[in-house]
Amino acid sequence: MIDLHCHSLLSDGVLLPSEVAARYLAFGYKTIAITDHVDYSNIDIVADAILRFTRHWPKDGIITVLPGVELTHLPLSQFKPLAKYARKKGLKVIIGHGETVTEPVVKATNRACLEADIDILAHPGLISKEDVEFAKKRGIFLEITTRRGHRDTNSHVAELAIKAGAKLILNNDSHMPEDILPPKELRDFGLKVGLSESGIDCIYNEVTSHFKL
């Protein structure tokens, strides 16, 4: 099982990256990404710390940890340059913080994220059909999340994405230990919002291929 949206105490999580990895390993996950919140104020500090951690993480197959960031609450004009900067630094998973209905996200953030060099649009809220189709064109994953509040629009996201043939991804968006669902519960969560067993298998095949896992 894979979760590519995890936070540590490098932003608003409560665990060290090593503790995040240990918790996911205990549940049987194979791959995670540490994707802490960044903007221009902290991207160097956070990205360098995550990159340093992943470089020193054992490569013996216990659990793969990818370095990433979540571009969060940016002015619309900053998504493209900051995503480009994050990619240049060597980050493997770049997430755009989408228009969740639980936070005051600037209107048109979904489109600004999708126009940037991101891999995943997190919790995109009441995303439009046009933006779903644009995500498909760009090959960007739309997130189905288990996180409280953000998950309220999962069914909307799943329905539009399935109709359009856009890529989906299942993530916990974990900030603390209790946010991490066991793999079976994460799959079951996907089923509850309209995904099929074969559809979930397809999701993980696409994620594996995209990130070369």
N, C-alpha and C. Protein backbone atom coordinates (compact mmCIF):
# COMPACT_ATOMS: atom_id res chain seq x y z
N MET A 1 0.85 -1.20 0.00
CA MET A 1 0.00 0.00 0.00
C MET A 1 0.88 1.25 0.00
N ILE A 2 0.35 2.31 -0.55
CA ILE A 2 1.09 3.55 -0.77
C ILE A 2 0.30 4.73 -0.20
N ASP A 3 1.00 5.68 0.42
CA ASP A 3 0.39 6.95 0.84
C ASP A 3 1.40 8.06 0.54
N LEU A 4 1.06 8.92 -0.39
CA LEU A 4 1.99 9.97 -0.81
C LEU A 4 1.60 11.36 -0.32
N HIS A 5 0.94 11.41 0.85
CA HIS A 5 0.58 12.69 1.45
C HIS A 5 0.68 12.56 2.97
N CYS A 6 1.88 12.79 3.50
CA CYS A 6 2.12 12.64 4.93
C CYS A 6 2.85 13.88 5.46
N HIS A 7 2.44 14.34 6.63
CA HIS A 7 3.07 15.51 7.24
C HIS A 7 3.83 15.12 8.50
N SER A 8 4.91 15.83 8.74
CA SER A 8 5.73 15.62 9.93
C SER A 8 5.79 16.91 10.73
N LEU A 9 6.58 16.93 11.81
CA LEU A 9 6.70 18.15 12.60
C LEU A 9 7.52 19.23 11.89
N LEU A 10 7.97 18.92 10.68
CA LEU A 10 8.60 19.96 9.88
C LEU A 10 7.58 20.98 9.39
N SER A 11 6.28 20.63 9.46
CA SER A 11 5.22 21.64 9.24
C SER A 11 4.21 21.50 10.36
N ASP A 12 2.99 21.02 10.06
CA ASP A 12 1.96 20.97 11.10
C ASP A 12 1.66 19.57 11.59
N GLY A 13 2.55 18.61 11.32
CA GLY A 13 2.40 17.28 11.89
C GLY A 13 2.99 17.23 13.29
N VAL A 14 2.92 16.06 13.93
CA VAL A 14 3.40 15.94 15.31
C VAL A 14 4.55 14.94 15.46
N LEU A 15 4.92 14.26 14.37
CA LEU A 15 5.95 13.24 14.44
C LEU A 15 7.17 13.60 13.60
N LEU A 16 8.35 13.14 14.04
CA LEU A 16 9.53 13.22 13.19
C LEU A 16 9.30 12.40 11.92
N PRO A 17 9.97 12.73 10.82
CA PRO A 17 9.84 11.90 9.63
C PRO A 17 10.11 10.42 9.90
N SER A 18 11.10 10.12 10.75
CA SER A 18 11.39 8.72 11.07
C SER A 18 10.23 8.06 11.80
N GLU A 19 9.54 8.82 12.64
CA GLU A 19 8.37 8.28 13.35
C GLU A 19 7.21 8.06 12.38
N VAL A 20 7.04 8.98 11.43
CA VAL A 20 6.00 8.80 10.41
C VAL A 20 6.25 7.50 9.66
N ALA A 21 7.49 7.31 9.23
CA ALA A 21 7.84 6.10 8.49
C ALA A 21 7.62 4.85 9.34
N ALA A 22 7.99 4.91 10.61
CA ALA A 22 7.83 3.75 11.49
C ALA A 22 6.37 3.38 11.68
N ARG A 23 5.51 4.38 11.79
CA ARG A 23 4.07 4.12 11.96
C ARG A 23 3.48 3.46 10.72
N TYR A 24 3.86 3.98 9.55
CA TYR A 24 3.35 3.39 8.31
C TYR A 24 3.92 1.99 8.09
N LEU A 25 5.17 1.80 8.43
CA LEU A 25 5.79 0.48 8.31
C LEU A 25 5.06 -0.54 9.18
N ALA A 26 4.69 -0.14 10.39
CA ALA A 26 3.99 -1.05 11.30
C ALA A 26 2.65 -1.51 10.73
N PHE A 27 2.03 -0.67 9.90
CA PHE A 27 0.76 -1.03 9.26
C PHE A 27 0.95 -1.83 7.97
N GLY A 28 2.18 -1.93 7.51
CA GLY A 28 2.44 -2.71 6.31
C GLY A 28 2.51 -1.93 5.01
N TYR A 29 2.59 -0.60 5.11
CA TYR A 29 2.74 0.20 3.89
C TYR A 29 4.11 -0.05 3.26
N LYS A 30 4.17 0.05 1.94
CA LYS A 30 5.42 -0.17 1.20
C LYS A 30 6.12 1.14 0.83
N THR A 31 5.33 2.19 0.58
CA THR A 31 5.90 3.46 0.14
C THR A 31 5.09 4.62 0.71
N ILE A 32 5.79 5.64 1.19
CA ILE A 32 5.14 6.89 1.62
C ILE A 32 5.96 8.06 1.08
N ALA A 33 5.37 9.25 1.17
CA ALA A 33 6.11 10.47 0.87
C ALA A 33 5.90 11.45 2.02
N ILE A 34 6.96 12.08 2.46
CA ILE A 34 6.86 13.17 3.43
C ILE A 34 6.65 14.45 2.63
N THR A 35 5.50 15.07 2.82
CA THR A 35 5.09 16.20 1.97
C THR A 35 4.61 17.37 2.84
N ASP A 36 5.54 17.98 3.54
CA ASP A 36 5.15 19.05 4.45
C ASP A 36 4.80 20.34 3.72
N HIS A 37 4.01 21.17 4.40
CA HIS A 37 3.52 22.42 3.83
C HIS A 37 4.67 23.42 3.61
N VAL A 38 4.67 24.04 2.43
CA VAL A 38 5.69 25.06 2.16
C VAL A 38 5.10 26.23 1.37
N ASP A 39 5.76 27.37 1.55
CA ASP A 39 5.60 28.52 0.68
C ASP A 39 7.01 29.12 0.54
N TYR A 40 7.13 30.36 0.08
CA TYR A 40 8.46 30.93 -0.12
C TYR A 40 9.21 31.13 1.20
N SER A 41 8.50 31.20 2.31
CA SER A 41 9.15 31.47 3.60
C SER A 41 9.97 30.30 4.12
N ASN A 42 9.57 29.07 3.77
CA ASN A 42 10.20 27.91 4.41
C ASN A 42 10.62 26.79 3.48
N ILE A 43 10.48 26.98 2.17
CA ILE A 43 10.72 25.84 1.28
C ILE A 43 12.15 25.32 1.37
N ASP A 44 13.13 26.20 1.52
CA ASP A 44 14.50 25.72 1.59
C ASP A 44 14.75 24.93 2.87
N ILE A 45 14.27 25.44 3.99
CA ILE A 45 14.47 24.76 5.26
C ILE A 45 13.79 23.39 5.26
N VAL A 46 12.52 23.36 4.86
CA VAL A 46 11.75 22.12 4.90
C VAL A 46 12.24 21.13 3.84
N ALA A 47 12.41 21.60 2.61
CA ALA A 47 12.83 20.69 1.55
C ALA A 47 14.21 20.11 1.83
N ASP A 48 15.13 20.94 2.29
CA ASP A 48 16.48 20.44 2.58
C ASP A 48 16.45 19.40 3.69
N ALA A 49 15.61 19.63 4.70
CA ALA A 49 15.51 18.67 5.80
C ALA A 49 14.93 17.34 5.32
N ILE A 50 13.88 17.40 4.49
CA ILE A 50 13.26 16.16 3.97
C ILE A 50 14.23 15.43 3.05
N LEU A 51 14.92 16.17 2.20
CA LEU A 51 15.89 15.54 1.30
C LEU A 51 17.03 14.90 2.09
N ARG A 52 17.49 15.57 3.13
CA ARG A 52 18.56 15.00 3.96
C ARG A 52 18.08 13.72 4.62
N PHE A 53 16.84 13.76 5.13
CA PHE A 53 16.29 12.57 5.78
C PHE A 53 16.17 11.40 4.80
N THR A 54 15.63 11.64 3.62
CA THR A 54 15.42 10.54 2.68
C THR A 54 16.74 10.01 2.13
N ARG A 55 17.75 10.87 2.01
CA ARG A 55 19.06 10.39 1.56
C ARG A 55 19.66 9.41 2.57
N HIS A 56 19.39 9.63 3.83
CA HIS A 56 19.95 8.78 4.88
C HIS A 56 19.03 7.63 5.27
N TRP A 57 17.82 7.60 4.72
CA TRP A 57 16.89 6.52 5.06
C TRP A 57 17.38 5.22 4.42
N PRO A 58 17.32 4.09 5.13
CA PRO A 58 17.82 2.82 4.59
C PRO A 58 17.16 2.45 3.27
N LYS A 59 17.95 1.94 2.36
CA LYS A 59 17.45 1.52 1.05
C LYS A 59 17.31 0.00 0.98
N ASP A 60 17.08 -0.63 2.14
CA ASP A 60 17.02 -2.09 2.19
C ASP A 60 15.62 -2.64 1.99
N GLY A 61 14.69 -1.77 1.60
CA GLY A 61 13.36 -2.26 1.26
C GLY A 61 12.37 -2.34 2.39
N ILE A 62 12.71 -1.85 3.61
CA ILE A 62 11.74 -1.95 4.70
C ILE A 62 10.51 -1.09 4.42
N ILE A 63 10.73 0.13 3.98
CA ILE A 63 9.67 1.01 3.47
C ILE A 63 10.35 2.13 2.70
N THR A 64 9.86 2.42 1.53
CA THR A 64 10.43 3.48 0.71
C THR A 64 9.82 4.81 1.15
N VAL A 65 10.69 5.82 1.35
CA VAL A 65 10.23 7.15 1.74
C VAL A 65 10.69 8.15 0.68
N LEU A 66 9.72 8.77 0.02
CA LEU A 66 10.01 9.75 -1.03
C LEU A 66 9.98 11.16 -0.46
N PRO A 67 10.85 12.06 -0.95
CA PRO A 67 10.83 13.45 -0.51
C PRO A 67 9.82 14.26 -1.30
N GLY A 68 9.03 15.05 -0.60
CA GLY A 68 8.03 15.87 -1.29
C GLY A 68 7.68 17.11 -0.50
N VAL A 69 6.79 17.90 -1.04
CA VAL A 69 6.25 19.08 -0.36
C VAL A 69 4.81 19.30 -0.81
N GLU A 70 4.09 20.06 -0.02
CA GLU A 70 2.74 20.49 -0.40
C GLU A 70 2.74 22.01 -0.50
N LEU A 71 2.55 22.53 -1.70
CA LEU A 71 2.49 23.98 -1.93
C LEU A 71 1.15 24.47 -1.40
N THR A 72 1.19 25.33 -0.39
CA THR A 72 0.00 25.58 0.42
C THR A 72 -0.37 27.06 0.50
N HIS A 73 -1.63 27.38 0.16
CA HIS A 73 -2.18 28.74 0.31
C HIS A 73 -1.29 29.80 -0.34
N LEU A 74 -0.84 29.52 -1.55
CA LEU A 74 0.00 30.49 -2.25
C LEU A 74 -0.85 31.48 -3.04
N PRO A 75 -0.35 32.70 -3.27
CA PRO A 75 -0.95 33.54 -4.30
C PRO A 75 -0.91 32.77 -5.63
N LEU A 76 -1.90 32.94 -6.46
CA LEU A 76 -2.02 32.12 -7.66
C LEU A 76 -0.78 32.18 -8.55
N SER A 77 -0.14 33.32 -8.61
CA SER A 77 1.01 33.49 -9.49
C SER A 77 2.25 32.75 -9.01
N GLN A 78 2.22 32.24 -7.77
CA GLN A 78 3.43 31.62 -7.21
C GLN A 78 3.49 30.11 -7.40
N PHE A 79 2.39 29.48 -7.81
CA PHE A 79 2.42 28.01 -7.92
C PHE A 79 3.42 27.53 -8.96
N LYS A 80 3.41 28.13 -10.14
CA LYS A 80 4.33 27.68 -11.19
C LYS A 80 5.79 27.83 -10.79
N PRO A 81 6.22 29.04 -10.37
CA PRO A 81 7.65 29.16 -10.04
C PRO A 81 8.08 28.34 -8.84
N LEU A 82 7.21 28.19 -7.85
CA LEU A 82 7.61 27.44 -6.66
C LEU A 82 7.63 25.94 -6.94
N ALA A 83 6.71 25.47 -7.77
CA ALA A 83 6.74 24.05 -8.17
C ALA A 83 8.00 23.76 -8.97
N LYS A 84 8.36 24.67 -9.86
CA LYS A 84 9.58 24.51 -10.65
C LYS A 84 10.80 24.49 -9.74
N TYR A 85 10.81 25.36 -8.74
CA TYR A 85 11.92 25.42 -7.80
C TYR A 85 12.01 24.13 -6.98
N ALA A 86 10.86 23.63 -6.54
CA ALA A 86 10.83 22.38 -5.76
C ALA A 86 11.35 21.22 -6.59
N ARG A 87 10.96 21.16 -7.85
CA ARG A 87 11.41 20.08 -8.73
C ARG A 87 12.92 20.17 -8.94
N LYS A 88 13.42 21.39 -9.11
CA LYS A 88 14.86 21.59 -9.32
C LYS A 88 15.66 21.15 -8.10
N LYS A 89 15.09 21.31 -6.92
CA LYS A 89 15.78 20.90 -5.70
C LYS A 89 15.87 19.38 -5.57
N GLY A 90 15.07 18.66 -6.34
CA GLY A 90 15.12 17.21 -6.30
C GLY A 90 13.97 16.54 -5.59
N LEU A 91 12.92 17.27 -5.29
CA LEU A 91 11.75 16.68 -4.64
C LEU A 91 10.98 15.83 -5.63
N LYS A 92 10.56 14.65 -5.19
CA LYS A 92 9.95 13.66 -6.08
C LYS A 92 8.43 13.73 -6.12
N VAL A 93 7.81 14.26 -5.06
CA VAL A 93 6.34 14.33 -4.99
C VAL A 93 5.96 15.77 -4.67
N ILE A 94 5.33 16.43 -5.62
CA ILE A 94 4.91 17.81 -5.42
C ILE A 94 3.40 17.86 -5.44
N ILE A 95 2.84 18.31 -4.33
CA ILE A 95 1.39 18.38 -4.12
C ILE A 95 0.95 19.83 -4.13
N GLY A 96 -0.19 20.08 -4.75
CA GLY A 96 -0.82 21.38 -4.66
C GLY A 96 -1.98 21.30 -3.67
N HIS A 97 -2.04 22.22 -2.74
CA HIS A 97 -3.11 22.28 -1.74
C HIS A 97 -4.36 22.84 -2.41
N GLY A 98 -5.31 21.95 -2.70
CA GLY A 98 -6.48 22.33 -3.46
C GLY A 98 -7.55 23.06 -2.66
N GLU A 99 -8.68 23.31 -3.34
CA GLU A 99 -9.74 24.16 -2.80
C GLU A 99 -10.69 23.39 -1.87
N THR A 100 -10.14 22.81 -0.81
CA THR A 100 -10.96 22.17 0.19
C THR A 100 -12.04 23.12 0.69
N VAL A 101 -13.19 22.56 1.05
CA VAL A 101 -14.29 23.39 1.54
C VAL A 101 -14.13 23.74 3.01
N THR A 102 -13.09 23.24 3.66
CA THR A 102 -12.92 23.47 5.10
C THR A 102 -11.95 24.59 5.43
N GLU A 103 -11.33 25.19 4.42
CA GLU A 103 -10.37 26.27 4.64
C GLU A 103 -10.62 27.39 3.64
N PRO A 104 -10.20 28.62 3.97
CA PRO A 104 -10.40 29.75 3.05
C PRO A 104 -9.36 29.78 1.94
N VAL A 105 -9.48 28.85 1.00
CA VAL A 105 -8.52 28.76 -0.11
C VAL A 105 -8.94 29.74 -1.21
N VAL A 106 -7.95 30.43 -1.76
CA VAL A 106 -8.22 31.41 -2.81
C VAL A 106 -8.90 30.74 -4.01
N LYS A 107 -9.96 31.36 -4.51
CA LYS A 107 -10.67 30.83 -5.67
C LYS A 107 -9.72 30.74 -6.86
N ALA A 108 -9.85 29.67 -7.64
CA ALA A 108 -9.03 29.37 -8.81
C ALA A 108 -7.69 28.75 -8.43
N THR A 109 -7.52 28.38 -7.17
CA THR A 109 -6.29 27.69 -6.75
C THR A 109 -6.16 26.34 -7.45
N ASN A 110 -7.29 25.62 -7.60
CA ASN A 110 -7.21 24.33 -8.28
C ASN A 110 -6.57 24.47 -9.66
N ARG A 111 -7.05 25.44 -10.43
CA ARG A 111 -6.52 25.62 -11.79
C ARG A 111 -5.06 26.06 -11.75
N ALA A 112 -4.70 26.96 -10.83
CA ALA A 112 -3.31 27.41 -10.73
C ALA A 112 -2.38 26.25 -10.38
N CYS A 113 -2.84 25.37 -9.50
CA CYS A 113 -2.05 24.17 -9.17
C CYS A 113 -1.88 23.28 -10.39
N LEU A 114 -2.98 23.05 -11.10
CA LEU A 114 -2.96 22.15 -12.25
C LEU A 114 -2.11 22.68 -13.40
N GLU A 115 -1.93 23.98 -13.46
CA GLU A 115 -1.09 24.58 -14.49
C GLU A 115 0.38 24.51 -14.13
N ALA A 116 0.67 24.19 -12.86
CA ALA A 116 2.05 24.10 -12.39
C ALA A 116 2.56 22.66 -12.51
N ASP A 117 3.85 22.48 -12.24
CA ASP A 117 4.47 21.15 -12.35
C ASP A 117 4.27 20.38 -11.04
N ILE A 118 3.01 19.98 -10.81
CA ILE A 118 2.70 19.19 -9.63
C ILE A 118 2.35 17.76 -10.04
N ASP A 119 2.37 16.87 -9.06
CA ASP A 119 1.99 15.48 -9.28
C ASP A 119 0.58 15.18 -8.79
N ILE A 120 0.19 15.83 -7.70
CA ILE A 120 -1.09 15.53 -7.04
C ILE A 120 -1.79 16.83 -6.67
N LEU A 121 -3.08 16.91 -6.96
CA LEU A 121 -3.91 18.01 -6.44
C LEU A 121 -4.66 17.47 -5.24
N ALA A 122 -4.28 17.92 -4.06
CA ALA A 122 -4.87 17.42 -2.83
C ALA A 122 -6.25 18.01 -2.59
N HIS A 123 -7.11 17.20 -1.98
CA HIS A 123 -8.45 17.63 -1.55
C HIS A 123 -8.99 18.80 -2.38
N PRO A 124 -9.34 18.54 -3.63
CA PRO A 124 -9.75 19.63 -4.53
C PRO A 124 -11.16 20.15 -4.35
N GLY A 125 -11.83 19.73 -3.29
CA GLY A 125 -13.14 20.29 -2.97
C GLY A 125 -14.16 20.07 -4.06
N LEU A 126 -14.93 21.10 -4.34
CA LEU A 126 -15.97 21.01 -5.38
C LEU A 126 -15.37 21.39 -6.73
N ILE A 127 -14.38 20.65 -7.12
CA ILE A 127 -13.65 20.90 -8.36
C ILE A 127 -14.60 20.87 -9.56
N SER A 128 -14.33 21.72 -10.51
CA SER A 128 -15.20 21.80 -11.69
C SER A 128 -14.89 20.68 -12.67
N LYS A 129 -15.87 20.41 -13.52
CA LYS A 129 -15.69 19.41 -14.58
C LYS A 129 -14.54 19.81 -15.49
N GLU A 130 -14.43 21.11 -15.77
CA GLU A 130 -13.37 21.60 -16.65
C GLU A 130 -11.99 21.36 -16.05
N ASP A 131 -11.87 21.57 -14.74
CA ASP A 131 -10.58 21.35 -14.09
C ASP A 131 -10.25 19.86 -13.99
N VAL A 132 -11.26 19.03 -13.83
CA VAL A 132 -11.02 17.57 -13.83
C VAL A 132 -10.49 17.15 -15.19
N GLU A 133 -11.11 17.66 -16.24
CA GLU A 133 -10.65 17.32 -17.59
C GLU A 133 -9.24 17.85 -17.85
N PHE A 134 -8.93 19.01 -17.27
CA PHE A 134 -7.58 19.58 -17.41
C PHE A 134 -6.57 18.72 -16.64
N ALA A 135 -6.97 18.22 -15.48
CA ALA A 135 -6.10 17.32 -14.71
C ALA A 135 -5.80 16.07 -15.51
N LYS A 136 -6.81 15.55 -16.18
CA LYS A 136 -6.60 14.37 -17.03
C LYS A 136 -5.58 14.69 -18.13
N LYS A 137 -5.75 15.82 -18.78
CA LYS A 137 -4.84 16.21 -19.85
C LYS A 137 -3.41 16.34 -19.34
N ARG A 138 -3.23 16.85 -18.12
CA ARG A 138 -1.90 17.06 -17.56
C ARG A 138 -1.34 15.80 -16.90
N GLY A 139 -2.18 14.78 -16.71
CA GLY A 139 -1.72 13.56 -16.04
C GLY A 139 -1.51 13.73 -14.56
N ILE A 140 -2.26 14.63 -13.94
CA ILE A 140 -2.13 14.93 -12.52
C ILE A 140 -3.16 14.14 -11.72
N PHE A 141 -2.74 13.57 -10.62
CA PHE A 141 -3.62 12.79 -9.76
C PHE A 141 -4.53 13.70 -8.93
N LEU A 142 -5.80 13.35 -8.85
CA LEU A 142 -6.75 14.04 -7.98
C LEU A 142 -6.93 13.18 -6.72
N GLU A 143 -6.87 13.82 -5.58
CA GLU A 143 -6.82 13.08 -4.32
C GLU A 143 -8.19 12.75 -3.74
N ILE A 144 -8.33 11.48 -3.36
CA ILE A 144 -9.39 11.04 -2.47
C ILE A 144 -8.75 10.89 -1.10
N THR A 145 -9.21 11.64 -0.13
CA THR A 145 -8.53 11.73 1.15
C THR A 145 -9.40 11.22 2.30
N THR A 146 -8.75 10.64 3.29
CA THR A 146 -9.47 10.18 4.48
C THR A 146 -9.51 11.27 5.55
N ARG A 147 -8.85 12.41 5.31
CA ARG A 147 -8.75 13.43 6.36
C ARG A 147 -10.10 14.11 6.60
N ARG A 148 -10.43 14.24 7.88
CA ARG A 148 -11.69 14.85 8.29
C ARG A 148 -11.86 16.23 7.67
N GLY A 149 -13.06 16.53 7.21
CA GLY A 149 -13.34 17.82 6.58
C GLY A 149 -13.00 17.79 5.11
N HIS A 150 -11.75 17.58 4.79
CA HIS A 150 -11.33 17.51 3.39
C HIS A 150 -12.08 16.40 2.65
N ARG A 151 -12.43 15.34 3.37
CA ARG A 151 -13.05 14.18 2.71
C ARG A 151 -14.52 14.38 2.37
N ASP A 152 -15.10 15.49 2.80
CA ASP A 152 -16.53 15.70 2.59
C ASP A 152 -16.91 15.78 1.12
N THR A 153 -15.96 16.11 0.26
CA THR A 153 -16.27 16.24 -1.17
C THR A 153 -15.67 15.09 -1.99
N ASN A 154 -15.24 14.03 -1.33
CA ASN A 154 -14.62 12.90 -2.04
C ASN A 154 -15.53 12.31 -3.12
N SER A 155 -16.80 12.13 -2.80
CA SER A 155 -17.72 11.51 -3.76
C SER A 155 -17.83 12.36 -5.02
N HIS A 156 -17.87 13.67 -4.85
CA HIS A 156 -17.92 14.60 -5.99
C HIS A 156 -16.67 14.44 -6.85
N VAL A 157 -15.51 14.43 -6.21
CA VAL A 157 -14.25 14.29 -6.94
C VAL A 157 -14.19 12.96 -7.68
N ALA A 158 -14.54 11.89 -6.96
CA ALA A 158 -14.48 10.55 -7.57
C ALA A 158 -15.42 10.43 -8.76
N GLU A 159 -16.64 10.94 -8.61
CA GLU A 159 -17.62 10.82 -9.69
C GLU A 159 -17.14 11.52 -10.96
N LEU A 160 -16.68 12.77 -10.82
CA LEU A 160 -16.22 13.51 -11.99
C LEU A 160 -14.97 12.88 -12.60
N ALA A 161 -14.06 12.43 -11.74
CA ALA A 161 -12.82 11.85 -12.24
C ALA A 161 -13.07 10.55 -12.99
N ILE A 162 -13.95 9.72 -12.45
CA ILE A 162 -14.26 8.45 -13.11
C ILE A 162 -14.89 8.71 -14.47
N LYS A 163 -15.82 9.65 -14.53
CA LYS A 163 -16.48 9.98 -15.81
C LYS A 163 -15.49 10.51 -16.83
N ALA A 164 -14.54 11.31 -16.36
CA ALA A 164 -13.59 11.94 -17.28
C ALA A 164 -12.39 11.05 -17.60
N GLY A 165 -12.19 10.01 -16.78
CA GLY A 165 -11.01 9.17 -16.95
C GLY A 165 -9.76 9.81 -16.38
N ALA A 166 -9.94 10.72 -15.41
CA ALA A 166 -8.79 11.37 -14.76
C ALA A 166 -8.19 10.45 -13.71
N LYS A 167 -6.93 10.65 -13.42
CA LYS A 167 -6.24 9.83 -12.43
C LYS A 167 -6.66 10.20 -11.02
N LEU A 168 -6.81 9.19 -10.19
CA LEU A 168 -7.12 9.39 -8.77
C LEU A 168 -6.02 8.78 -7.92
N ILE A 169 -5.93 9.25 -6.67
CA ILE A 169 -5.00 8.66 -5.72
C ILE A 169 -5.66 8.66 -4.35
N LEU A 170 -5.42 7.61 -3.58
CA LEU A 170 -5.93 7.50 -2.21
C LEU A 170 -4.83 7.88 -1.23
N ASN A 171 -5.10 8.87 -0.38
CA ASN A 171 -4.12 9.30 0.62
C ASN A 171 -4.79 9.54 1.97
N ASN A 172 -3.99 9.43 3.02
CA ASN A 172 -4.49 9.74 4.36
C ASN A 172 -4.34 11.21 4.73
N ASP A 173 -3.37 11.91 4.10
CA ASP A 173 -3.06 13.28 4.52
C ASP A 173 -2.82 13.30 6.03
N SER A 174 -1.95 12.41 6.48
CA SER A 174 -1.75 12.22 7.92
C SER A 174 -0.93 13.34 8.55
N HIS A 175 -1.36 13.72 9.75
CA HIS A 175 -0.64 14.71 10.56
C HIS A 175 -0.25 14.13 11.92
N MET A 176 -0.97 13.12 12.35
CA MET A 176 -0.72 12.48 13.65
C MET A 176 -1.01 11.00 13.53
N PRO A 177 -0.58 10.20 14.50
CA PRO A 177 -0.71 8.74 14.38
C PRO A 177 -2.12 8.27 14.08
N GLU A 178 -3.12 8.87 14.71
CA GLU A 178 -4.49 8.40 14.51
C GLU A 178 -5.05 8.69 13.12
N ASP A 179 -4.32 9.48 12.31
CA ASP A 179 -4.75 9.74 10.93
C ASP A 179 -4.40 8.60 9.98
N ILE A 180 -3.53 7.71 10.41
CA ILE A 180 -3.02 6.66 9.52
C ILE A 180 -3.93 5.44 9.57
N LEU A 181 -4.64 5.20 8.49
CA LEU A 181 -5.51 4.03 8.42
C LEU A 181 -4.73 2.80 7.95
N PRO A 182 -5.03 1.63 8.48
CA PRO A 182 -4.44 0.41 7.93
C PRO A 182 -4.81 0.29 6.46
N PRO A 183 -3.98 -0.39 5.67
CA PRO A 183 -4.22 -0.49 4.22
C PRO A 183 -5.62 -0.94 3.84
N LYS A 184 -6.16 -1.94 4.53
CA LYS A 184 -7.50 -2.43 4.18
C LYS A 184 -8.54 -1.34 4.40
N GLU A 185 -8.41 -0.58 5.49
CA GLU A 185 -9.37 0.50 5.77
C GLU A 185 -9.26 1.61 4.73
N LEU A 186 -8.04 1.87 4.25
CA LEU A 186 -7.87 2.88 3.22
C LEU A 186 -8.55 2.44 1.93
N ARG A 187 -8.38 1.16 1.57
CA ARG A 187 -9.07 0.62 0.39
C ARG A 187 -10.59 0.68 0.58
N ASP A 188 -11.06 0.29 1.76
CA ASP A 188 -12.50 0.33 2.03
C ASP A 188 -13.05 1.74 1.92
N PHE A 189 -12.24 2.72 2.32
CA PHE A 189 -12.64 4.11 2.22
C PHE A 189 -12.86 4.49 0.76
N GLY A 190 -11.98 4.00 -0.10
CA GLY A 190 -12.14 4.25 -1.53
C GLY A 190 -13.40 3.63 -2.08
N LEU A 191 -13.72 2.43 -1.61
CA LEU A 191 -14.94 1.75 -2.08
C LEU A 191 -16.18 2.54 -1.68
N LYS A 192 -16.16 3.15 -0.51
CA LYS A 192 -17.32 3.88 -0.02
C LYS A 192 -17.64 5.12 -0.82
N VAL A 193 -16.64 5.66 -1.52
CA VAL A 193 -16.89 6.88 -2.32
C VAL A 193 -17.09 6.57 -3.79
N GLY A 194 -17.25 5.28 -4.13
CA GLY A 194 -17.63 4.92 -5.49
C GLY A 194 -16.57 4.24 -6.32
N LEU A 195 -15.40 3.98 -5.74
CA LEU A 195 -14.38 3.26 -6.50
C LEU A 195 -14.64 1.76 -6.43
N SER A 196 -14.16 1.04 -7.42
CA SER A 196 -14.28 -0.42 -7.43
C SER A 196 -12.95 -1.03 -7.00
N GLU A 197 -12.97 -2.33 -6.68
CA GLU A 197 -11.73 -3.02 -6.33
C GLU A 197 -10.74 -2.94 -7.48
N SER A 198 -11.22 -3.19 -8.70
CA SER A 198 -10.33 -3.12 -9.85
C SER A 198 -9.86 -1.69 -10.10
N GLY A 199 -10.74 -0.72 -9.81
CA GLY A 199 -10.36 0.67 -9.96
C GLY A 199 -9.25 1.07 -9.01
N ILE A 200 -9.33 0.57 -7.78
CA ILE A 200 -8.28 0.86 -6.79
C ILE A 200 -6.97 0.20 -7.19
N ASP A 201 -7.05 -1.02 -7.71
CA ASP A 201 -5.83 -1.68 -8.20
C ASP A 201 -5.21 -0.87 -9.34
N CYS A 202 -6.05 -0.33 -10.20
CA CYS A 202 -5.58 0.49 -11.31
C CYS A 202 -4.89 1.76 -10.79
N ILE A 203 -5.46 2.35 -9.73
CA ILE A 203 -4.87 3.54 -9.12
C ILE A 203 -3.44 3.25 -8.69
N TYR A 204 -3.25 2.14 -7.98
CA TYR A 204 -1.91 1.84 -7.47
C TYR A 204 -0.95 1.47 -8.59
N ASN A 205 -1.45 0.88 -9.65
CA ASN A 205 -0.59 0.60 -10.81
C ASN A 205 -0.13 1.91 -11.46
N GLU A 206 -1.05 2.88 -11.57
CA GLU A 206 -0.70 4.16 -12.17
C GLU A 206 0.26 4.94 -11.29
N VAL A 207 0.04 4.90 -9.98
CA VAL A 207 0.93 5.59 -9.05
C VAL A 207 2.33 4.97 -9.10
N THR A 208 2.38 3.65 -9.11
CA THR A 208 3.66 2.95 -9.18
C THR A 208 4.42 3.31 -10.44
N SER A 209 3.71 3.38 -11.56
CA SER A 209 4.33 3.70 -12.83
C SER A 209 4.80 5.16 -12.86
N HIS A 210 3.94 6.07 -12.40
CA HIS A 210 4.26 7.51 -12.46
C HIS A 210 5.49 7.84 -11.64
N PHE A 211 5.57 7.28 -10.43
CA PHE A 211 6.68 7.61 -9.52
C PHE A 211 7.82 6.60 -9.60
N LYS A 212 7.70 5.65 -10.55
CA LYS A 212 8.77 4.66 -10.77
C LYS A 212 9.13 3.92 -9.47
N LEU A 213 8.10 3.40 -8.82
CA LEU A 213 8.31 2.71 -7.54
C LEU A 213 8.69 1.25 -7.76
